[in-house]
């Protein structure tokens, strides 16, 4: 059980007691992308002290939100079915937080797992269902992702593969997703760099991934 106890009765209070401690929700965020070893979690959250990471993992296990599983001779942490129920909460929280998001500061990083969840949050299934299947390779700072959209299905992974459009974006990705920056303008100003493939497909990407700012 987490150390925090508000002394109040209610679902919201109990939820905050379980996942309201600092770093807990970011651990859950990364595990929503997939199971992770302890070292992978630490690498994805470079500012978390090792003792805090260990404590949060222990608390989340005690709450039945995550569990440890052996996999290929190593131990990984993964969400339980109860923990996975946090996904719509996380996506809603991400969409709400996006409204207050500004360009990243120099000391802020973008990780593959954080960007994967941003894309899941911004994904518009109904729009994508009306568009041809498209594969993108996207570089967001140090985070490189392979994004496959096939109708209402979104698959985001790390690695290489055949794509229709490969592009790199820094702070321009927030402006593109919010609609503040038009795709052709993003390319013309260098906010988004087309690395290979059809540059006009950036418009399809912006239609498929959108969040109100």
Protein backbone atom coordinates (compact mmCIF):
# COMPACT_ATOMS: atom_id res chain seq x y z
CA UNK A 1 0.00 0.00 0.00
CA UNK A 2 1.24 3.49 -0.84
CA UNK A 3 2.36 5.66 2.05
CA UNK A 4 -0.15 8.39 1.20
CA UNK A 5 -3.43 8.23 3.11
CA UNK A 6 -5.85 11.13 2.72
CA UNK A 7 -8.19 9.94 5.44
CA UNK A 8 -11.20 10.29 3.13
CA UNK A 9 -13.54 7.70 1.66
CA UNK A 10 -14.24 7.62 -2.10
CA UNK A 11 -13.10 6.22 -5.42
CA UNK A 12 -11.04 9.24 -6.47
CA UNK A 13 -9.36 9.35 -3.07
CA UNK A 14 -8.52 5.66 -3.24
CA UNK A 15 -7.19 5.99 -6.79
CA UNK A 16 -4.84 8.78 -5.73
CA UNK A 17 -3.69 6.75 -2.75
CA UNK A 18 -2.76 3.93 -5.15
CA UNK A 19 -1.15 5.84 -8.03
CA UNK A 20 -0.85 9.43 -6.79
CA UNK A 21 2.69 9.16 -5.45
CA UNK A 22 5.32 10.92 -7.57
CA UNK A 23 6.50 8.85 -10.59
CA UNK A 24 3.82 6.16 -10.14
CA UNK A 25 1.70 7.24 -13.11
CA UNK A 26 4.75 7.58 -15.36
CA UNK A 27 5.73 4.01 -14.51
CA UNK A 28 2.20 2.94 -15.44
CA UNK A 29 2.44 5.01 -18.64
CA UNK A 30 5.58 3.19 -19.77
CA UNK A 31 4.16 -0.22 -18.85
CA UNK A 32 1.08 0.53 -20.96
CA UNK A 33 3.45 0.44 -23.93
CA UNK A 34 4.70 -3.01 -22.91
CA UNK A 35 6.48 -5.06 -20.23
CA UNK A 36 9.79 -3.57 -19.10
CA UNK A 37 12.83 -4.76 -17.18
CA UNK A 38 13.89 -2.71 -14.16
CA UNK A 39 16.77 -1.19 -16.14
CA UNK A 40 14.48 -0.25 -19.02
CA UNK A 41 12.13 1.55 -16.65
CA UNK A 42 15.06 3.39 -15.11
CA UNK A 43 16.40 4.38 -18.54
CA UNK A 44 12.98 5.70 -19.59
CA UNK A 45 12.73 7.79 -16.40
CA UNK A 46 16.31 9.06 -16.09
CA UNK A 47 15.57 11.46 -13.22
CA UNK A 48 13.96 8.93 -10.92
CA UNK A 49 16.17 7.93 -7.96
CA UNK A 50 16.74 4.17 -7.83
CA UNK A 51 15.29 3.90 -4.32
CA UNK A 52 12.10 5.68 -5.44
CA UNK A 53 11.72 3.43 -8.49
CA UNK A 54 12.12 0.36 -6.30
CA UNK A 55 9.60 1.72 -3.78
CA UNK A 56 7.02 2.59 -6.42
CA UNK A 57 7.31 -0.82 -8.06
CA UNK A 58 6.81 -2.47 -4.70
CA UNK A 59 3.77 -0.30 -3.95
CA UNK A 60 2.21 -0.92 -7.35
CA UNK A 61 2.71 -4.65 -6.93
CA UNK A 62 1.10 -4.58 -3.50
CA UNK A 63 -1.89 -2.75 -4.97
CA UNK A 64 -2.33 -5.39 -7.68
CA UNK A 65 -1.57 -2.91 -10.48
CA UNK A 66 1.61 -4.57 -11.75
CA UNK A 67 3.33 -7.89 -11.28
CA UNK A 68 6.75 -9.39 -11.92
CA UNK A 69 7.04 -12.06 -14.57
CA UNK A 70 9.98 -14.22 -15.71
CA UNK A 71 10.68 -13.82 -19.41
CA UNK A 72 13.67 -15.26 -21.27
CA UNK A 73 15.63 -15.70 -18.03
CA UNK A 74 15.03 -12.13 -16.90
CA UNK A 75 12.36 -10.55 -14.72
CA UNK A 76 10.04 -8.02 -16.33
CA UNK A 77 7.33 -5.84 -14.85
CA UNK A 78 3.96 -5.73 -16.54
CA UNK A 79 0.50 -4.42 -15.81
CA UNK A 80 -2.16 -6.72 -14.46
CA UNK A 81 -5.64 -6.61 -16.04
CA UNK A 82 -6.59 -4.25 -13.20
CA UNK A 83 -3.61 -2.05 -14.06
CA UNK A 84 -4.48 -1.98 -17.76
CA UNK A 85 -7.84 -0.47 -16.85
CA UNK A 86 -5.86 2.74 -16.28
CA UNK A 87 -5.27 3.17 -20.02
CA UNK A 88 -8.39 5.27 -20.81
CA UNK A 89 -7.67 7.32 -17.68
CA UNK A 90 -4.12 7.91 -18.89
CA UNK A 91 -5.23 8.86 -22.39
CA UNK A 92 -7.81 11.30 -21.05
CA UNK A 93 -5.24 12.80 -18.69
CA UNK A 94 -2.79 13.16 -21.59
CA UNK A 95 -5.35 14.95 -23.75
CA UNK A 96 -6.15 17.29 -20.87
CA UNK A 97 -2.48 18.00 -20.18
CA UNK A 98 -1.80 18.63 -23.88
CA UNK A 99 -3.91 21.80 -23.67
CA UNK A 100 -1.29 23.31 -21.32
CA UNK A 101 1.73 21.91 -23.17
CA UNK A 102 4.29 24.27 -24.67
CA UNK A 103 7.48 23.60 -26.61
CA UNK A 104 9.94 21.45 -24.64
CA UNK A 105 12.62 23.15 -22.59
CA UNK A 106 16.25 22.30 -23.25
CA UNK A 107 16.45 20.01 -20.23
CA UNK A 108 13.27 18.10 -21.11
CA UNK A 109 13.50 14.85 -23.05
CA UNK A 110 11.16 12.86 -25.26
CA UNK A 111 11.32 9.10 -24.77
CA UNK A 112 9.99 6.42 -27.12
CA UNK A 113 7.43 5.29 -24.53
CA UNK A 114 6.22 8.82 -23.75
CA UNK A 115 5.81 9.59 -27.46
CA UNK A 116 4.05 6.28 -28.07
CA UNK A 117 1.44 7.25 -25.49
CA UNK A 118 1.16 10.75 -26.99
CA UNK A 119 0.37 9.17 -30.35
CA UNK A 120 -2.18 6.81 -28.80
CA UNK A 121 -3.80 9.81 -27.15
CA UNK A 122 -3.94 11.82 -30.39
CA UNK A 123 -5.05 8.91 -32.62
CA UNK A 124 -8.41 9.49 -34.31
CA UNK A 125 -9.77 6.07 -35.19
CA UNK A 126 -12.79 7.30 -37.07
CA UNK A 127 -10.65 9.49 -39.31
CA UNK A 128 -8.07 6.75 -39.85
CA UNK A 129 -10.79 4.26 -40.80
CA UNK A 130 -11.55 6.36 -43.90
CA UNK A 131 -7.92 6.65 -45.02
CA UNK A 132 -5.59 4.21 -46.79
CA UNK A 133 -3.25 2.16 -44.62
CA UNK A 134 -0.07 4.16 -44.05
CA UNK A 135 3.27 3.51 -42.38
CA UNK A 136 5.43 6.29 -40.96
CA UNK A 137 8.93 6.35 -39.55
CA UNK A 138 9.13 9.28 -37.14
CA UNK A 139 12.06 10.76 -35.27
CA UNK A 140 11.16 12.95 -32.31
CA UNK A 141 14.50 14.04 -30.88
CA UNK A 142 16.20 10.82 -29.78
CA UNK A 143 12.95 8.82 -29.99
CA UNK A 144 12.57 6.88 -33.25
CA UNK A 145 9.30 5.09 -33.88
CA UNK A 146 7.66 3.01 -36.58
CA UNK A 147 4.00 3.99 -36.79
CA UNK A 148 1.59 1.79 -38.72
CA UNK A 149 -1.99 2.87 -39.26
CA UNK A 150 -4.38 0.39 -40.86
CA UNK A 151 -7.96 1.56 -40.67
CA UNK A 152 -8.87 2.04 -36.99
CA UNK A 153 -5.81 0.05 -35.86
CA UNK A 154 -2.67 1.79 -34.61
CA UNK A 155 0.62 -0.02 -34.03
CA UNK A 156 3.63 1.90 -32.69
CA UNK A 157 6.94 0.10 -32.27
CA UNK A 158 10.64 0.75 -32.25
CA UNK A 159 12.70 -0.49 -35.17
CA UNK A 160 12.87 -0.31 -38.94
CA UNK A 161 10.57 -1.34 -41.73
CA UNK A 162 9.14 -0.20 -45.05
CA UNK A 163 7.32 3.10 -44.73
CA UNK A 164 5.42 5.55 -46.89
CA UNK A 165 6.89 8.59 -45.15
CA UNK A 166 9.87 9.09 -42.86
CA UNK A 167 10.19 12.42 -41.09
CA UNK A 168 11.94 14.15 -38.20
CA UNK A 169 10.29 16.70 -35.94
CA UNK A 170 11.29 18.64 -32.86
CA UNK A 171 8.93 21.09 -31.14
CA UNK A 172 7.02 21.26 -34.41
CA UNK A 173 5.27 18.00 -33.64
CA UNK A 174 3.15 19.62 -30.93
CA UNK A 175 2.13 22.40 -33.29
CA UNK A 176 1.38 19.93 -36.06
CA UNK A 177 -0.79 17.71 -33.85
CA UNK A 178 -2.67 20.70 -32.44
CA UNK A 179 -3.35 22.13 -35.90
CA UNK A 180 -1.44 25.29 -35.05
CA UNK A 181 1.02 24.54 -37.87
CA UNK A 182 -0.20 23.38 -41.29
CA UNK A 183 1.71 20.37 -42.72
CA UNK A 184 3.01 22.20 -45.80
CA UNK A 185 4.10 25.12 -43.63
CA UNK A 186 5.81 22.74 -41.20
CA UNK A 187 7.92 21.37 -44.05
CA UNK A 188 8.59 24.77 -45.63
CA UNK A 189 9.85 26.24 -42.36
CA UNK A 190 11.96 23.20 -41.48
CA UNK A 191 9.93 22.46 -38.34
CA UNK A 192 9.39 19.02 -39.85
CA UNK A 193 12.02 17.46 -42.10
CA UNK A 194 11.02 14.87 -44.68
CA UNK A 195 13.69 12.19 -44.67
CA UNK A 196 12.24 9.97 -47.38
CA UNK A 197 8.93 9.13 -48.99
CA UNK A 198 6.00 11.32 -49.92
CA UNK A 199 6.00 14.64 -48.10
CA UNK A 200 2.32 15.19 -48.88
CA UNK A 201 1.50 12.33 -46.51
CA UNK A 202 2.36 14.59 -43.59
CA UNK A 203 -1.12 16.02 -44.09
CA UNK A 204 -2.57 12.54 -43.63
CA UNK A 205 -0.52 12.14 -40.46
CA UNK A 206 -1.85 15.45 -39.11
CA UNK A 207 -5.42 14.36 -39.86
CA UNK A 208 -4.90 11.01 -38.20
CA UNK A 209 -3.23 12.38 -35.07
CA UNK A 210 -4.85 15.47 -33.60
CA UNK A 211 -5.41 16.96 -30.16
CA UNK A 212 -7.07 20.24 -29.33
CA UNK A 213 -4.70 22.72 -27.72
